[in-house]
Protein backbone atom coordinates (compact mmCIF):
# COMPACT_ATOMS: atom_id res chain seq x y z
CA UNK A 1 -200.07 14.74 -16.65
CA UNK A 2 -197.63 16.84 -18.68
CA UNK A 3 -197.19 15.47 -22.21
CA UNK A 4 -193.77 14.28 -23.23
CA UNK A 5 -192.34 13.85 -26.70
CA UNK A 6 -189.41 11.58 -27.45
CA UNK A 7 -186.95 11.90 -30.31
CA UNK A 8 -184.20 9.60 -31.46
CA UNK A 9 -181.23 9.60 -33.81
CA UNK A 10 -178.88 6.75 -34.65
CA UNK A 11 -175.15 7.47 -34.83
CA UNK A 12 -172.59 5.24 -36.56
CA UNK A 13 -168.88 6.06 -36.47
CA UNK A 14 -167.31 5.34 -39.90
CA UNK A 15 -163.80 6.61 -39.23
CA UNK A 16 -161.88 3.47 -38.25
CA UNK A 17 -158.77 3.43 -40.47
CA UNK A 18 -157.77 -0.04 -39.31
CA UNK A 19 -156.33 0.58 -35.85
CA UNK A 20 -159.30 2.29 -34.23
CA UNK A 21 -158.52 5.08 -31.82
CA UNK A 22 -154.94 3.94 -31.25
CA UNK A 23 -153.69 7.53 -31.54
CA UNK A 24 -155.24 10.98 -31.98
CA UNK A 25 -154.40 11.12 -35.70
CA UNK A 26 -154.95 7.42 -36.43
CA UNK A 27 -158.69 7.68 -36.99
CA UNK A 28 -161.19 9.85 -38.74
CA UNK A 29 -163.94 11.68 -36.91
CA UNK A 30 -166.42 10.80 -39.69
CA UNK A 31 -169.81 9.47 -38.70
CA UNK A 32 -173.36 9.19 -39.97
CA UNK A 33 -176.49 10.38 -38.22
CA UNK A 34 -179.63 8.62 -39.37
CA UNK A 35 -183.28 8.12 -38.68
CA UNK A 36 -185.69 5.82 -40.50
CA UNK A 37 -187.12 7.42 -43.59
CA UNK A 38 -184.80 10.45 -43.63
CA UNK A 39 -181.62 11.12 -45.59
CA UNK A 40 -178.41 10.41 -43.72
CA UNK A 41 -176.54 13.37 -42.30
CA UNK A 42 -172.78 13.11 -42.72
CA UNK A 43 -170.92 14.36 -39.68
CA UNK A 44 -167.39 14.90 -38.45
CA UNK A 45 -165.54 17.05 -35.98
CA UNK A 46 -164.84 20.67 -36.85
CA UNK A 47 -161.58 21.08 -38.81
CA UNK A 48 -159.95 22.70 -35.79
CA UNK A 49 -160.56 19.40 -33.96
CA UNK A 50 -159.10 17.21 -36.77
CA UNK A 51 -162.39 16.83 -38.61
CA UNK A 52 -163.58 17.01 -42.20
CA UNK A 53 -164.69 20.48 -43.31
CA UNK A 54 -167.04 18.90 -45.90
CA UNK A 55 -169.21 17.33 -43.19
CA UNK A 56 -171.49 18.81 -40.55
CA UNK A 57 -169.95 19.11 -37.08
CA UNK A 58 -171.76 19.11 -33.72
CA UNK A 59 -171.16 22.82 -33.20
CA UNK A 60 -172.83 23.71 -36.51
CA UNK A 61 -175.67 21.33 -35.76
CA UNK A 62 -176.35 22.99 -32.39
CA UNK A 63 -176.36 26.46 -33.96
CA UNK A 64 -178.60 25.12 -36.73
CA UNK A 65 -180.99 23.58 -34.21
CA UNK A 66 -181.28 26.92 -32.40
CA UNK A 67 -181.92 28.78 -35.67
CA UNK A 68 -184.51 26.23 -36.83
CA UNK A 69 -186.32 26.14 -33.49
CA UNK A 70 -186.41 29.93 -33.29
CA UNK A 71 -187.83 30.18 -36.82
CA UNK A 72 -190.54 27.58 -36.16
CA UNK A 73 -191.44 29.21 -32.83
CA UNK A 74 -191.53 32.60 -34.51
CA UNK A 75 -193.79 31.32 -37.31
CA UNK A 76 -196.20 29.91 -34.72
CA UNK A 77 -196.39 33.31 -33.00
CA UNK A 78 -196.57 35.27 -36.27
CA UNK A 79 -199.55 33.20 -37.40
CA UNK A 80 -201.22 33.65 -34.00
CA UNK A 81 -200.78 37.46 -34.21
CA UNK A 82 -201.71 37.99 -37.87
CA UNK A 83 -198.20 38.64 -39.17
CA UNK A 84 -197.68 37.16 -42.64
CA UNK A 85 -193.99 36.30 -43.08
CA UNK A 86 -193.13 35.89 -46.77
CA UNK A 87 -189.37 35.33 -46.56
CA UNK A 88 -186.99 34.37 -43.76
CA UNK A 89 -183.24 33.70 -43.66
CA UNK A 90 -180.82 33.52 -40.77
CA UNK A 91 -177.04 33.92 -40.62
CA UNK A 92 -176.54 32.39 -37.16
CA UNK A 93 -173.16 32.11 -35.44
CA UNK A 94 -171.78 30.95 -32.12
CA UNK A 95 -168.68 31.27 -30.01
CA UNK A 96 -166.92 28.53 -28.06
CA UNK A 97 -164.40 29.33 -25.34
CA UNK A 98 -161.85 26.59 -24.82
CA UNK A 99 -160.87 25.49 -21.31
CA UNK A 100 -158.10 22.90 -21.46
CA UNK A 101 -159.16 19.99 -23.65
CA UNK A 102 -162.84 20.95 -23.37
CA UNK A 103 -164.83 24.07 -23.78
CA UNK A 104 -168.32 25.48 -23.95
CA UNK A 105 -170.49 27.76 -26.02
CA UNK A 106 -170.51 31.25 -24.55
CA UNK A 107 -173.25 32.58 -26.85
CA UNK A 108 -175.09 32.11 -30.10
CA UNK A 109 -176.41 35.01 -32.17
CA UNK A 110 -179.33 34.57 -34.52
CA UNK A 111 -179.69 37.10 -37.34
CA UNK A 112 -183.12 36.57 -38.86
CA UNK A 113 -183.77 38.63 -42.00
CA UNK A 114 -187.40 38.57 -42.93
CA UNK A 115 -190.08 40.20 -44.98
CA UNK A 116 -193.66 40.54 -43.79
CA UNK A 117 -196.62 41.18 -46.08
CA UNK A 118 -198.99 42.19 -43.29
CA UNK A 119 -199.02 42.82 -39.57
CA UNK A 120 -197.55 45.29 -37.11
CA UNK A 121 -193.79 45.84 -37.56
CA UNK A 122 -193.11 46.65 -33.89
CA UNK A 123 -195.00 43.55 -32.77
CA UNK A 124 -193.14 41.50 -35.38
CA UNK A 125 -189.85 42.58 -33.77
CA UNK A 126 -191.04 41.92 -30.22
CA UNK A 127 -192.17 38.40 -31.12
CA UNK A 128 -188.52 37.35 -31.41
CA UNK A 129 -188.21 37.61 -27.62
CA UNK A 130 -191.34 35.53 -27.13
CA UNK A 131 -190.13 32.99 -29.70
CA UNK A 132 -187.01 32.40 -27.61
CA UNK A 133 -189.18 31.71 -24.57
CA UNK A 134 -191.13 28.96 -26.34
CA UNK A 135 -188.24 27.46 -28.35
CA UNK A 136 -187.42 24.06 -26.83
CA UNK A 137 -183.78 24.23 -27.88
CA UNK A 138 -183.13 27.78 -26.60
CA UNK A 139 -184.71 26.83 -23.28
CA UNK A 140 -182.39 23.82 -23.04
CA UNK A 141 -179.02 25.55 -23.36
CA UNK A 142 -177.06 27.31 -20.62
CA UNK A 143 -175.70 30.21 -22.66
CA UNK A 144 -177.33 33.34 -24.08
CA UNK A 145 -179.07 33.15 -27.44
CA UNK A 146 -179.09 36.67 -28.83
CA UNK A 147 -181.26 38.01 -31.65
CA UNK A 148 -180.46 40.66 -34.23
CA UNK A 149 -183.57 40.61 -36.43
CA UNK A 150 -184.15 42.79 -39.45
CA UNK A 151 -187.67 43.03 -40.80
CA UNK A 152 -188.80 44.60 -44.03
CA UNK A 153 -192.41 45.28 -44.87
CA UNK A 154 -193.17 44.01 -48.39
CA UNK A 155 -193.37 46.94 -50.80
CA UNK A 156 -191.70 49.36 -48.38
CA UNK A 157 -188.12 50.37 -47.64
CA UNK A 158 -186.70 49.05 -44.36
CA UNK A 159 -187.38 51.50 -41.57
CA UNK A 160 -184.01 52.07 -39.84
CA UNK A 161 -185.48 52.88 -36.43
CA UNK A 162 -187.46 49.60 -36.39
CA UNK A 163 -185.44 47.44 -38.76
CA UNK A 164 -183.27 45.87 -36.11
CA UNK A 165 -183.41 44.97 -32.48
CA UNK A 166 -180.87 43.14 -30.33
CA UNK A 167 -182.02 41.23 -27.27
CA UNK A 168 -180.51 38.77 -24.84
């Protein structure tokens, strides 16, 4: 039997200004995501959809989930292949194309910037493709997740011919 893992999040809308959703500007999109034992995550719609820019929106959360999942998948592979990652950041972004009142993500680009203390640089770059294949979130979306990694070897200058690689 294939193992299954279940996850849950509670959502509570906190944006009723007294008349509920009586009109598109009569309510706030504010809400709280919670799970026992974790800090609450304050959410809203994106500002372009009448939301609060000071709160996380679903689009940012999806991009964040892809970036987090890719990093964790990459770390698993790096450890397995003897690559010691000593720093890792990502400046991920995504694009939504509107279609009437709805829309869809057309792509997300992950831009991991990392330093490795040991391991093969070429292999370290290739592992980003494999990380996408084992990332639960990337395998669950129906749009391309692109990668533009840059890897520096600790104590060495970035090697331009190997420092970046873009894949679909």
